[in-house]
Amino acid sequence: MTPQEYIQLKAFARQDGVLLALLWTGSLLCYILGMTYPLLGIAALILIAASPFFAAQRLRHYRDYGREGVISFSRSYAYTVLLFFYGGVLFAIAVYVYFAFLDKGFFLSKLIETFSSPEGREAIKAYGIEGQLDENIKFLSELRPIDMALNMLTINIIMGFFLGVPIAAIMQKAKS
């Protein structure tokens, strides 16, 4: 890969990383609002499940327009990992901003409210996790916004390394 091709790869990955971060941020907002409006919780799951397909679609765009229809597995994998990295960094910033400035305890209070309801208590008993739940809620209450953001960044980067293999394998295309 020439230096010019590497610059092009990073440029496409950065631009598409912004779009991926917007997708994830929309999913986060749907998840948070889904605690009050359950249908939005389903939308959050759909948006997260769409992430690999979105990444593959953006890789196809890079392959067809940036690489003139030809891309190797290694370049496809590098693009996908960079896409998830850039998207993860921007999403981590969004998570930090939300939990540091906007949340004001809403997320944790809704979790406690959900698990304190009769249905929530019944489900907790059915799974046998009464003591474990209290520990987890205490742990969540002690997390700082930067901890949540770094956790999301780590998860998204690792997800890029793992999902990059099948996405790159499917989307690679040799010269005809």
Protein backbone atom coordinates (compact mmCIF):
# COMPACT_ATOMS: atom_id res chain seq x y z
CA MET A 1 0.00 0.00 0.00
CA THR A 2 1.43 3.33 -1.02
CA PRO A 3 1.33 6.32 1.33
CA GLN A 4 -1.34 7.92 -0.86
CA GLU A 5 -3.51 4.80 -0.69
CA TYR A 6 -3.11 4.69 3.10
CA ILE A 7 -4.20 8.34 3.36
CA GLN A 8 -7.22 7.52 1.19
CA LEU A 9 -8.07 4.48 3.35
CA LYS A 10 -7.96 6.54 6.54
CA ALA A 11 -9.99 9.37 4.98
CA PHE A 12 -12.80 7.03 3.94
CA ALA A 13 -12.70 5.26 7.33
CA ARG A 14 -12.85 8.59 9.20
CA GLN A 15 -15.82 9.84 7.21
CA ASP A 16 -17.66 6.57 7.58
CA GLY A 17 -16.67 6.38 11.25
CA VAL A 18 -18.65 9.58 11.80
CA LEU A 19 -21.70 7.91 10.25
CA LEU A 20 -21.21 4.78 12.37
CA ALA A 21 -20.91 6.92 15.50
CA LEU A 22 -24.17 8.64 14.57
CA LEU A 23 -25.83 5.24 14.20
CA TRP A 24 -24.56 4.16 17.62
CA THR A 25 -25.52 7.48 19.21
CA GLY A 26 -29.03 7.09 17.81
CA SER A 27 -29.11 3.62 19.31
CA LEU A 28 -27.99 4.96 22.70
CA LEU A 29 -30.70 7.61 22.62
CA CYS A 30 -33.32 5.02 21.65
CA TYR A 31 -32.12 2.78 24.47
CA ILE A 32 -32.27 5.56 27.06
CA LEU A 33 -35.69 6.73 25.85
CA GLY A 34 -36.75 3.09 25.58
CA MET A 35 -36.70 2.91 29.36
CA THR A 36 -39.78 5.13 29.24
CA TYR A 37 -41.12 4.18 25.80
CA PRO A 38 -40.52 0.43 25.23
CA LEU A 39 -40.84 0.55 21.44
CA LEU A 40 -37.73 2.71 21.28
CA GLY A 41 -35.84 -0.01 23.15
CA ILE A 42 -36.58 -2.35 20.26
CA ALA A 43 -35.37 0.32 17.83
CA ALA A 44 -32.10 0.51 19.80
CA LEU A 45 -31.54 -3.22 19.39
CA ILE A 46 -32.28 -3.02 15.68
CA LEU A 47 -29.80 -0.17 15.22
CA ILE A 48 -27.06 -2.08 17.06
CA ALA A 49 -27.76 -5.24 15.07
CA ALA A 50 -27.50 -3.17 11.88
CA SER A 51 -23.93 -2.07 12.68
CA PRO A 52 -22.10 -4.89 10.84
CA PHE A 53 -24.37 -4.50 7.81
CA PHE A 54 -23.81 -0.75 7.84
CA ALA A 55 -20.04 -1.31 8.03
CA ALA A 56 -20.21 -3.74 5.10
CA GLN A 57 -22.24 -1.26 3.06
CA ARG A 58 -19.69 1.50 3.75
CA LEU A 59 -16.85 -0.87 2.85
CA ARG A 60 -18.63 -1.61 -0.43
CA HIS A 61 -18.83 2.13 -1.06
CA TYR A 62 -15.09 2.49 -0.39
CA ARG A 63 -14.32 -0.52 -2.60
CA ASP A 64 -16.45 0.70 -5.51
CA TYR A 65 -15.62 4.41 -5.43
CA GLY A 66 -12.26 4.67 -3.70
CA ARG A 67 -10.69 1.45 -5.02
CA GLU A 68 -12.47 1.22 -8.39
CA GLY A 69 -14.17 -2.08 -7.53
CA VAL A 70 -11.08 -4.00 -6.37
CA ILE A 71 -10.01 -4.55 -2.75
CA SER A 72 -7.96 -7.20 -0.99
CA PHE A 73 -8.87 -8.93 2.26
CA SER A 74 -6.12 -7.15 4.19
CA ARG A 75 -7.17 -3.72 2.98
CA SER A 76 -10.83 -4.52 3.66
CA TYR A 77 -9.91 -5.66 7.17
CA ALA A 78 -7.80 -2.55 7.81
CA TYR A 79 -10.65 -0.33 6.63
CA THR A 80 -13.17 -2.10 8.88
CA VAL A 81 -10.92 -1.93 11.95
CA LEU A 82 -10.27 1.78 11.34
CA LEU A 83 -13.98 2.37 10.75
CA PHE A 84 -14.86 0.84 14.12
CA PHE A 85 -11.97 2.69 15.79
CA TYR A 86 -12.98 6.12 14.51
CA GLY A 87 -16.67 5.43 15.15
CA GLY A 88 -15.80 4.14 18.62
CA VAL A 89 -13.83 7.25 19.54
CA LEU A 90 -16.66 9.57 18.50
CA PHE A 91 -19.26 7.38 20.19
CA ALA A 92 -17.18 7.35 23.39
CA ILE A 93 -17.22 11.15 23.33
CA ALA A 94 -21.02 11.08 22.91
CA VAL A 95 -21.36 8.64 25.83
CA TYR A 96 -19.15 10.83 28.00
CA VAL A 97 -21.11 13.98 27.15
CA TYR A 98 -24.42 12.25 27.84
CA PHE A 99 -23.47 10.76 31.21
CA ALA A 100 -21.42 13.77 32.37
CA PHE A 101 -23.81 16.57 31.43
CA LEU A 102 -27.24 15.30 30.37
CA ASP A 103 -28.16 12.14 32.30
CA LYS A 104 -28.29 13.51 35.87
CA GLY A 105 -29.05 10.02 37.27
CA PHE A 106 -31.92 9.20 34.89
CA PHE A 107 -30.38 5.97 33.58
CA LEU A 108 -29.62 4.51 36.99
CA SER A 109 -32.95 5.56 38.47
CA LYS A 110 -34.82 3.93 35.58
CA LEU A 111 -32.82 0.72 36.06
CA ILE A 112 -33.63 0.66 39.76
CA GLU A 113 -37.27 1.43 39.01
CA THR A 114 -37.44 -1.41 36.48
CA PHE A 115 -35.90 -3.96 38.81
CA SER A 116 -37.98 -2.75 41.78
CA SER A 117 -41.28 -3.30 39.98
CA PRO A 118 -43.21 -6.49 40.80
CA GLU A 119 -42.46 -7.90 37.34
CA GLY A 120 -38.78 -7.05 37.69
CA ARG A 121 -38.52 -8.68 41.12
CA GLU A 122 -40.26 -11.78 39.79
CA ALA A 123 -37.82 -12.03 36.87
CA ILE A 124 -34.85 -11.53 39.20
CA LYS A 125 -36.07 -14.33 41.46
CA ALA A 126 -36.67 -16.59 38.47
CA TYR A 127 -33.05 -16.15 37.39
CA GLY A 128 -31.78 -16.36 40.97
CA ILE A 129 -29.70 -13.18 40.86
CA GLU A 130 -31.12 -11.13 43.77
CA GLY A 131 -27.78 -10.49 45.52
CA GLN A 132 -25.86 -10.11 42.32
CA LEU A 133 -28.25 -7.43 41.06
CA ASP A 134 -27.74 -5.25 44.12
CA GLU A 135 -23.95 -5.50 43.67
CA ASN A 136 -24.22 -4.58 40.00
CA ILE A 137 -26.42 -1.56 40.69
CA LYS A 138 -23.95 -0.40 43.36
CA PHE A 139 -21.12 -0.87 40.85
CA LEU A 140 -22.99 1.11 38.17
CA SER A 141 -23.68 3.93 40.61
CA GLU A 142 -19.94 4.24 41.27
CA LEU A 143 -18.95 4.42 37.59
CA ARG A 144 -17.81 7.81 36.35
CA PRO A 145 -18.80 9.06 32.89
CA ILE A 146 -15.21 8.61 31.68
CA ASP A 147 -15.33 4.97 32.79
CA MET A 148 -18.47 4.36 30.74
CA ALA A 149 -16.99 6.12 27.73
CA LEU A 150 -13.74 4.14 27.88
CA ASN A 151 -15.70 0.93 28.30
CA MET A 152 -17.72 1.68 25.16
CA LEU A 153 -14.54 2.61 23.27
CA THR A 154 -12.89 -0.68 24.22
CA ILE A 155 -15.97 -2.72 23.29
CA ASN A 156 -16.29 -1.02 19.90
CA ILE A 157 -12.62 -1.43 19.00
CA ILE A 158 -12.66 -5.11 19.94
CA MET A 159 -15.91 -5.53 18.01
CA GLY A 160 -14.15 -4.04 14.97
CA PHE A 161 -11.30 -6.57 15.21
CA PHE A 162 -13.72 -9.51 15.39
CA LEU A 163 -16.38 -8.32 12.95
CA GLY A 164 -13.70 -7.14 10.53
CA VAL A 165 -12.80 -10.72 9.58
CA PRO A 166 -16.18 -11.83 8.18
CA ILE A 167 -16.97 -8.39 6.77
CA ALA A 168 -13.62 -8.22 4.95
CA ALA A 169 -13.91 -11.82 3.76
CA ILE A 170 -17.34 -11.18 2.25
CA MET A 171 -16.57 -7.78 0.74
CA GLN A 172 -13.12 -8.46 -0.78
CA LYS A 173 -13.03 -8.44 -4.54
CA ALA A 174 -10.17 -9.38 -6.85
CA LYS A 175 -9.50 -8.05 -10.32
CA SER A 176 -11.76 -9.56 -12.96
